[in-house]
Each structure stands twice: as structure tokens, then as C-alpha cells.
Amino acid sequence: MEKVFADTDIVLDLLSYREPYYTHSAHLFSEADKGKTKIYVSSLSFSNLNYILSKQYSADQSRKKLLKFKTLVTVLAVTDKVVELALSSDFKDFEDGMQYFTAIENNLKTLLTRNLKDYKTAEISVMTAEQFLNG
């Protein structure tokens, strides 16, 4: 079973039905539901997702979506070391640094995102959900 780390934007594509990315995101998480792929996300993603989804849906609907979604993923802690690494890194987007170092510290070799340009110096494989599914 392949193990991948999914950045917040990949999850948001699914939960907010963002086209044209929804289809690939839905397929990716369907693979997790079938037990073919193990998907990890950071705890930071859940706070970001709740904030964003609550602008699109009611607070109750947002929580229900996140509770259902949580059954598809394994949540990884954002540790003190991850924060240190992100603060000391050259990531322009701090959140991307937090996600990247959460994946690194948990020995994950693939990070899925739509924001490829911010991961140019990554030491692990960084790709879109579409690239991963077509690989």
C-alpha cells in the first residue's frame, strides 16, 4: 500500500467540490477508502479546513464533513520540531513549510499538493493528485 501526505489544498478540492480538481481528489480519497492508498494529513490541515469550510457551510455542516473525512486519513501531529524546521526554512509560505516538515518527520516520501512551485527544493517527491494517480 502506498503512503502519501496530502496538503490542505488537495483535501479542500474534495470537501469544497472545487473544479476542475475535485475529480482527481475524489479518486485519490476513494483509493484510501478502498484500502489501496494510505493518506496522511497534518493536524494543521483540520484547523485550516474547519475555518475555510465554515465560510462555505454552517459550522455544523463543516464539522460533519470533517468527521466523515477523518475516517479516510491518518492525522499527524505538528510537533515542536516541525515548527522549528518550518521557521528556520526558506519556505516563503509558512504553512507549506509546516506541511512539508510534518511529512519529512514522519518518513513519508510523497507529498501531494497543487502548489508545486513552493516545493522546488523538496527532498521528497512532490506532485499533484492527478500526477500521483497517473503515475
N, C-alpha and C. Protein backbone atom coordinates (compact mmCIF):
# COMPACT_ATOMS: atom_id res chain seq x y z
N MET A 1 0.85 -1.18 0.00
CA MET A 1 0.00 0.00 0.00
C MET A 1 0.89 1.24 0.00
N GLU A 2 0.60 2.15 -0.91
CA GLU A 2 1.36 3.39 -0.97
C GLU A 2 0.92 4.34 0.12
N LYS A 3 1.90 5.06 0.66
CA LYS A 3 1.64 6.04 1.70
C LYS A 3 1.97 7.42 1.15
N VAL A 4 1.03 8.36 1.31
CA VAL A 4 1.24 9.72 0.81
C VAL A 4 0.75 10.73 1.84
N PHE A 5 1.33 11.91 1.78
CA PHE A 5 0.90 13.03 2.61
C PHE A 5 0.12 13.98 1.71
N ALA A 6 -1.08 14.35 2.11
CA ALA A 6 -1.91 15.27 1.33
C ALA A 6 -1.93 16.64 1.99
N ASP A 7 -1.57 17.64 1.20
CA ASP A 7 -1.62 19.03 1.64
C ASP A 7 -3.08 19.48 1.73
N THR A 8 -3.32 20.55 2.44
CA THR A 8 -4.67 21.05 2.68
C THR A 8 -5.43 21.33 1.39
N ASP A 9 -4.76 21.84 0.36
CA ASP A 9 -5.48 22.19 -0.87
C ASP A 9 -6.07 20.96 -1.55
N ILE A 10 -5.42 19.82 -1.44
CA ILE A 10 -5.94 18.59 -2.03
C ILE A 10 -7.24 18.18 -1.31
N VAL A 11 -7.24 18.31 -0.01
CA VAL A 11 -8.43 17.98 0.79
C VAL A 11 -9.55 18.98 0.50
N LEU A 12 -9.19 20.24 0.41
CA LEU A 12 -10.19 21.28 0.14
C LEU A 12 -10.85 21.07 -1.22
N ASP A 13 -10.07 20.59 -2.19
CA ASP A 13 -10.65 20.29 -3.51
C ASP A 13 -11.79 19.28 -3.37
N LEU A 14 -11.59 18.30 -2.50
CA LEU A 14 -12.62 17.29 -2.26
C LEU A 14 -13.81 17.86 -1.51
N LEU A 15 -13.55 18.45 -0.36
CA LEU A 15 -14.63 18.87 0.54
C LEU A 15 -15.41 20.09 0.05
N SER A 16 -14.78 20.89 -0.80
CA SER A 16 -15.47 22.07 -1.34
C SER A 16 -15.90 21.88 -2.79
N TYR A 17 -15.68 20.68 -3.30
CA TYR A 17 -16.05 20.37 -4.69
C TYR A 17 -15.46 21.38 -5.67
N ARG A 18 -14.17 21.67 -5.51
CA ARG A 18 -13.51 22.67 -6.36
C ARG A 18 -13.12 22.04 -7.70
N GLU A 19 -13.76 22.54 -8.72
CA GLU A 19 -13.45 22.09 -10.08
C GLU A 19 -12.35 22.98 -10.66
N PRO A 20 -11.50 22.46 -11.51
CA PRO A 20 -11.54 21.13 -12.11
C PRO A 20 -10.77 20.08 -11.31
N TYR A 21 -10.45 20.35 -10.06
CA TYR A 21 -9.59 19.48 -9.26
C TYR A 21 -10.36 18.42 -8.47
N TYR A 22 -11.65 18.61 -8.31
CA TYR A 22 -12.45 17.71 -7.49
C TYR A 22 -12.33 16.25 -7.94
N THR A 23 -12.41 16.00 -9.22
CA THR A 23 -12.43 14.63 -9.73
C THR A 23 -11.19 13.85 -9.29
N HIS A 24 -10.02 14.45 -9.42
CA HIS A 24 -8.77 13.76 -9.04
C HIS A 24 -8.70 13.57 -7.53
N SER A 25 -9.12 14.57 -6.80
CA SER A 25 -9.11 14.48 -5.35
C SER A 25 -10.08 13.39 -4.88
N ALA A 26 -11.26 13.35 -5.48
CA ALA A 26 -12.25 12.33 -5.12
C ALA A 26 -11.72 10.93 -5.43
N HIS A 27 -11.06 10.79 -6.56
CA HIS A 27 -10.49 9.49 -6.93
C HIS A 27 -9.40 9.08 -5.94
N LEU A 28 -8.56 10.03 -5.56
CA LEU A 28 -7.49 9.77 -4.59
C LEU A 28 -8.06 9.26 -3.27
N PHE A 29 -9.04 9.96 -2.74
CA PHE A 29 -9.60 9.56 -1.45
C PHE A 29 -10.46 8.31 -1.55
N SER A 30 -10.96 8.02 -2.74
CA SER A 30 -11.65 6.76 -2.98
C SER A 30 -10.66 5.60 -2.87
N GLU A 31 -9.44 5.82 -3.36
CA GLU A 31 -8.39 4.80 -3.23
C GLU A 31 -8.08 4.52 -1.75
N ALA A 32 -8.11 5.56 -0.94
CA ALA A 32 -7.90 5.39 0.50
C ALA A 32 -9.05 4.61 1.12
N ASP A 33 -10.26 4.94 0.69
CA ASP A 33 -11.44 4.26 1.22
C ASP A 33 -11.42 2.77 0.88
N LYS A 34 -10.85 2.42 -0.26
CA LYS A 34 -10.75 1.02 -0.69
C LYS A 34 -9.53 0.32 -0.06
N GLY A 35 -8.71 1.07 0.68
CA GLY A 35 -7.53 0.48 1.31
C GLY A 35 -6.34 0.32 0.38
N LYS A 36 -6.36 1.01 -0.75
CA LYS A 36 -5.27 0.90 -1.72
C LYS A 36 -4.16 1.92 -1.47
N THR A 37 -4.51 3.03 -0.84
CA THR A 37 -3.55 4.10 -0.55
C THR A 37 -3.80 4.56 0.88
N LYS A 38 -2.72 4.79 1.62
CA LYS A 38 -2.86 5.32 2.97
C LYS A 38 -2.49 6.80 2.89
N ILE A 39 -3.43 7.65 3.29
CA ILE A 39 -3.24 9.09 3.18
C ILE A 39 -3.08 9.69 4.57
N TYR A 40 -2.05 10.52 4.69
CA TYR A 40 -1.77 11.22 5.93
C TYR A 40 -1.99 12.72 5.71
N VAL A 41 -2.49 13.38 6.74
CA VAL A 41 -2.62 14.84 6.74
C VAL A 41 -2.12 15.34 8.09
N SER A 42 -1.80 16.61 8.14
CA SER A 42 -1.36 17.17 9.41
C SER A 42 -2.56 17.69 10.21
N SER A 43 -2.37 17.77 11.51
CA SER A 43 -3.42 18.33 12.36
C SER A 43 -3.70 19.77 11.97
N LEU A 44 -2.70 20.46 11.46
CA LEU A 44 -2.86 21.84 10.99
C LEU A 44 -3.93 21.92 9.90
N SER A 45 -3.98 20.91 9.06
CA SER A 45 -4.98 20.91 7.99
C SER A 45 -6.40 20.96 8.53
N PHE A 46 -6.65 20.25 9.63
CA PHE A 46 -8.00 20.24 10.16
C PHE A 46 -8.44 21.61 10.67
N SER A 47 -7.55 22.33 11.31
CA SER A 47 -7.93 23.67 11.76
C SER A 47 -8.14 24.60 10.56
N ASN A 48 -7.26 24.51 9.57
CA ASN A 48 -7.42 25.32 8.36
C ASN A 48 -8.70 24.96 7.62
N LEU A 49 -8.97 23.68 7.48
CA LEU A 49 -10.17 23.23 6.78
C LEU A 49 -11.45 23.67 7.49
N ASN A 50 -11.47 23.53 8.81
CA ASN A 50 -12.65 23.95 9.55
C ASN A 50 -12.92 25.44 9.34
N TYR A 51 -11.87 26.22 9.38
CA TYR A 51 -12.00 27.68 9.18
C TYR A 51 -12.56 27.98 7.78
N ILE A 52 -11.97 27.37 6.77
CA ILE A 52 -12.39 27.65 5.39
C ILE A 52 -13.79 27.10 5.11
N LEU A 53 -14.05 25.88 5.53
CA LEU A 53 -15.36 25.28 5.27
C LEU A 53 -16.49 26.01 5.99
N SER A 54 -16.19 26.58 7.16
CA SER A 54 -17.24 27.29 7.90
C SER A 54 -17.66 28.58 7.20
N LYS A 55 -16.90 29.02 6.22
CA LYS A 55 -17.30 30.18 5.41
C LYS A 55 -18.21 29.75 4.26
N GLN A 56 -18.14 28.46 3.92
CA GLN A 56 -18.94 27.92 2.81
C GLN A 56 -20.19 27.19 3.31
N TYR A 57 -20.07 26.58 4.48
CA TYR A 57 -21.16 25.80 5.07
C TYR A 57 -21.41 26.27 6.49
N SER A 58 -22.47 25.78 7.11
CA SER A 58 -22.71 26.10 8.52
C SER A 58 -21.63 25.41 9.35
N ALA A 59 -21.47 25.85 10.59
CA ALA A 59 -20.48 25.24 11.48
C ALA A 59 -20.78 23.75 11.66
N ASP A 60 -22.05 23.41 11.80
CA ASP A 60 -22.44 22.02 11.98
C ASP A 60 -22.12 21.19 10.73
N GLN A 61 -22.44 21.72 9.56
CA GLN A 61 -22.15 21.01 8.31
C GLN A 61 -20.64 20.82 8.13
N SER A 62 -19.87 21.83 8.46
CA SER A 62 -18.41 21.76 8.34
C SER A 62 -17.86 20.65 9.22
N ARG A 63 -18.30 20.60 10.45
CA ARG A 63 -17.83 19.56 11.38
C ARG A 63 -18.22 18.17 10.91
N LYS A 64 -19.43 18.04 10.40
CA LYS A 64 -19.89 16.74 9.91
C LYS A 64 -19.03 16.28 8.72
N LYS A 65 -18.72 17.21 7.82
CA LYS A 65 -17.87 16.88 6.68
C LYS A 65 -16.49 16.42 7.17
N LEU A 66 -15.94 17.14 8.15
CA LEU A 66 -14.61 16.79 8.66
C LEU A 66 -14.62 15.46 9.42
N LEU A 67 -15.67 15.20 10.17
CA LEU A 67 -15.78 13.91 10.86
C LEU A 67 -15.82 12.75 9.87
N LYS A 68 -16.58 12.91 8.83
CA LYS A 68 -16.67 11.87 7.80
C LYS A 68 -15.32 11.74 7.08
N PHE A 69 -14.72 12.86 6.74
CA PHE A 69 -13.43 12.85 6.05
C PHE A 69 -12.34 12.18 6.89
N LYS A 70 -12.36 12.41 8.18
CA LYS A 70 -11.32 11.88 9.07
C LYS A 70 -11.22 10.36 9.00
N THR A 71 -12.29 9.70 8.64
CA THR A 71 -12.25 8.23 8.54
C THR A 71 -11.36 7.76 7.38
N LEU A 72 -11.01 8.66 6.47
CA LEU A 72 -10.21 8.30 5.30
C LEU A 72 -8.71 8.51 5.49
N VAL A 73 -8.33 9.22 6.54
CA VAL A 73 -6.93 9.64 6.68
C VAL A 73 -6.38 9.34 8.07
N THR A 74 -5.07 9.42 8.16
CA THR A 74 -4.39 9.37 9.44
C THR A 74 -3.85 10.77 9.71
N VAL A 75 -4.16 11.30 10.88
CA VAL A 75 -3.75 12.66 11.23
C VAL A 75 -2.42 12.62 11.96
N LEU A 76 -1.49 13.44 11.49
CA LEU A 76 -0.16 13.54 12.08
C LEU A 76 -0.03 14.84 12.87
N ALA A 77 0.63 14.75 14.00
CA ALA A 77 0.82 15.92 14.86
C ALA A 77 1.84 16.88 14.26
N VAL A 78 1.59 18.15 14.46
CA VAL A 78 2.57 19.18 14.16
C VAL A 78 3.35 19.38 15.45
N THR A 79 4.59 18.95 15.44
CA THR A 79 5.40 18.94 16.65
C THR A 79 6.24 20.20 16.80
N ASP A 80 6.86 20.32 17.96
CA ASP A 80 7.78 21.42 18.21
C ASP A 80 8.89 21.43 17.17
N LYS A 81 9.41 20.26 16.84
CA LYS A 81 10.49 20.16 15.85
C LYS A 81 10.02 20.63 14.48
N VAL A 82 8.81 20.26 14.09
CA VAL A 82 8.25 20.68 12.81
C VAL A 82 8.16 22.20 12.75
N VAL A 83 7.70 22.81 13.82
CA VAL A 83 7.60 24.27 13.87
C VAL A 83 8.99 24.90 13.74
N GLU A 84 9.97 24.36 14.46
CA GLU A 84 11.35 24.85 14.38
C GLU A 84 11.88 24.77 12.95
N LEU A 85 11.70 23.61 12.35
CA LEU A 85 12.19 23.41 10.99
C LEU A 85 11.52 24.37 10.00
N ALA A 86 10.22 24.54 10.13
CA ALA A 86 9.50 25.44 9.23
C ALA A 86 9.94 26.89 9.43
N LEU A 87 10.13 27.30 10.68
CA LEU A 87 10.57 28.67 10.97
C LEU A 87 11.98 28.93 10.44
N SER A 88 12.82 27.92 10.44
CA SER A 88 14.21 28.06 10.01
C SER A 88 14.40 27.79 8.52
N SER A 89 13.36 27.42 7.84
CA SER A 89 13.47 27.03 6.43
C SER A 89 13.37 28.24 5.51
N ASP A 90 13.57 27.98 4.22
CA ASP A 90 13.43 29.04 3.22
C ASP A 90 12.06 29.03 2.55
N PHE A 91 11.09 28.32 3.14
CA PHE A 91 9.73 28.34 2.60
C PHE A 91 9.15 29.74 2.73
N LYS A 92 8.68 30.28 1.62
CA LYS A 92 8.03 31.59 1.68
C LYS A 92 6.67 31.48 2.35
N ASP A 93 5.98 30.37 2.09
CA ASP A 93 4.67 30.13 2.70
C ASP A 93 4.90 29.23 3.93
N PHE A 94 4.73 29.81 5.11
CA PHE A 94 5.00 29.10 6.35
C PHE A 94 4.16 27.82 6.47
N GLU A 95 2.91 27.89 6.06
CA GLU A 95 2.03 26.72 6.13
C GLU A 95 2.57 25.58 5.28
N ASP A 96 3.10 25.90 4.10
CA ASP A 96 3.70 24.86 3.26
C ASP A 96 4.90 24.22 3.97
N GLY A 97 5.69 25.03 4.65
CA GLY A 97 6.82 24.51 5.41
C GLY A 97 6.36 23.57 6.52
N MET A 98 5.30 23.94 7.20
CA MET A 98 4.76 23.09 8.26
C MET A 98 4.30 21.74 7.68
N GLN A 99 3.62 21.80 6.55
CA GLN A 99 3.14 20.56 5.93
C GLN A 99 4.33 19.70 5.48
N TYR A 100 5.27 20.32 4.81
CA TYR A 100 6.44 19.60 4.29
C TYR A 100 7.21 18.90 5.41
N PHE A 101 7.49 19.63 6.48
CA PHE A 101 8.28 19.04 7.56
C PHE A 101 7.49 18.02 8.38
N THR A 102 6.17 18.14 8.39
CA THR A 102 5.35 17.09 9.02
C THR A 102 5.53 15.80 8.22
N ALA A 103 5.49 15.90 6.90
CA ALA A 103 5.70 14.71 6.06
C ALA A 103 7.11 14.15 6.27
N ILE A 104 8.11 15.01 6.24
CA ILE A 104 9.51 14.57 6.40
C ILE A 104 9.72 13.87 7.74
N GLU A 105 9.24 14.48 8.81
CA GLU A 105 9.45 13.92 10.15
C GLU A 105 8.72 12.60 10.36
N ASN A 106 7.77 12.30 9.50
CA ASN A 106 7.05 11.03 9.60
C ASN A 106 7.46 10.06 8.50
N ASN A 107 8.61 10.34 7.89
CA ASN A 107 9.23 9.45 6.90
C ASN A 107 8.34 9.16 5.69
N LEU A 108 7.54 10.13 5.31
CA LEU A 108 6.73 9.97 4.11
C LEU A 108 7.52 10.49 2.91
N LYS A 109 7.46 9.77 1.83
CA LYS A 109 8.30 10.06 0.66
C LYS A 109 7.57 10.79 -0.46
N THR A 110 6.24 10.95 -0.31
CA THR A 110 5.44 11.61 -1.34
C THR A 110 4.50 12.62 -0.71
N LEU A 111 4.52 13.84 -1.22
CA LEU A 111 3.63 14.89 -0.76
C LEU A 111 2.77 15.33 -1.94
N LEU A 112 1.47 15.34 -1.74
CA LEU A 112 0.54 15.75 -2.80
C LEU A 112 0.04 17.16 -2.53
N THR A 113 0.11 17.99 -3.55
CA THR A 113 -0.30 19.39 -3.45
C THR A 113 -0.64 19.89 -4.84
N ARG A 114 -1.29 21.03 -4.91
CA ARG A 114 -1.44 21.70 -6.20
C ARG A 114 -0.45 22.84 -6.31
N ASN A 115 0.26 23.12 -5.24
CA ASN A 115 1.16 24.25 -5.16
C ASN A 115 2.61 23.78 -5.36
N LEU A 116 2.92 23.24 -6.50
CA LEU A 116 4.23 22.65 -6.77
C LEU A 116 5.37 23.66 -6.68
N LYS A 117 5.11 24.89 -7.08
CA LYS A 117 6.20 25.88 -7.14
C LYS A 117 6.84 26.16 -5.78
N ASP A 118 6.10 26.00 -4.70
CA ASP A 118 6.66 26.27 -3.37
C ASP A 118 7.50 25.13 -2.83
N TYR A 119 7.57 24.03 -3.56
CA TYR A 119 8.31 22.86 -3.10
C TYR A 119 9.48 22.51 -4.03
N LYS A 120 10.02 23.51 -4.72
CA LYS A 120 11.08 23.27 -5.70
C LYS A 120 12.32 22.60 -5.12
N THR A 121 12.63 22.88 -3.87
CA THR A 121 13.84 22.32 -3.26
C THR A 121 13.55 21.10 -2.39
N ALA A 122 12.38 20.53 -2.54
CA ALA A 122 11.97 19.40 -1.72
C ALA A 122 12.90 18.20 -1.91
N GLU A 123 13.10 17.49 -0.83
CA GLU A 123 13.94 16.29 -0.86
C GLU A 123 13.10 15.01 -0.97
N ILE A 124 11.80 15.20 -1.10
CA ILE A 124 10.89 14.08 -1.33
C ILE A 124 10.11 14.36 -2.60
N SER A 125 9.39 13.38 -3.07
CA SER A 125 8.60 13.54 -4.28
C SER A 125 7.39 14.43 -3.98
N VAL A 126 7.20 15.46 -4.80
CA VAL A 126 6.07 16.37 -4.65
C VAL A 126 5.33 16.39 -5.98
N MET A 127 4.03 16.11 -5.93
CA MET A 127 3.25 16.05 -7.16
C MET A 127 1.79 16.39 -6.88
N THR A 128 1.04 16.57 -7.95
CA THR A 128 -0.39 16.81 -7.83
C THR A 128 -1.10 15.47 -7.63
N ALA A 129 -2.35 15.51 -7.24
CA ALA A 129 -3.13 14.28 -7.13
C ALA A 129 -3.26 13.61 -8.49
N GLU A 130 -3.42 14.41 -9.53
CA GLU A 130 -3.53 13.87 -10.90
C GLU A 130 -2.24 13.14 -11.27
N GLN A 131 -1.09 13.75 -11.01
CA GLN A 131 0.19 13.11 -11.34
C GLN A 131 0.35 11.80 -10.56
N PHE A 132 -0.02 11.80 -9.31
CA PHE A 132 0.08 10.60 -8.50
C PHE A 132 -0.80 9.48 -9.04
N LEU A 133 -2.03 9.82 -9.37
CA LEU A 133 -2.97 8.82 -9.88
C LEU A 133 -2.56 8.28 -11.25
N ASN A 134 -1.92 9.11 -12.04
CA ASN A 134 -1.49 8.69 -13.38
C ASN A 134 -0.12 8.01 -13.38
N GLY A 135 0.57 8.07 -12.23
CA GLY A 135 1.93 7.52 -12.12
C GLY A 135 1.91 6.08 -12.05
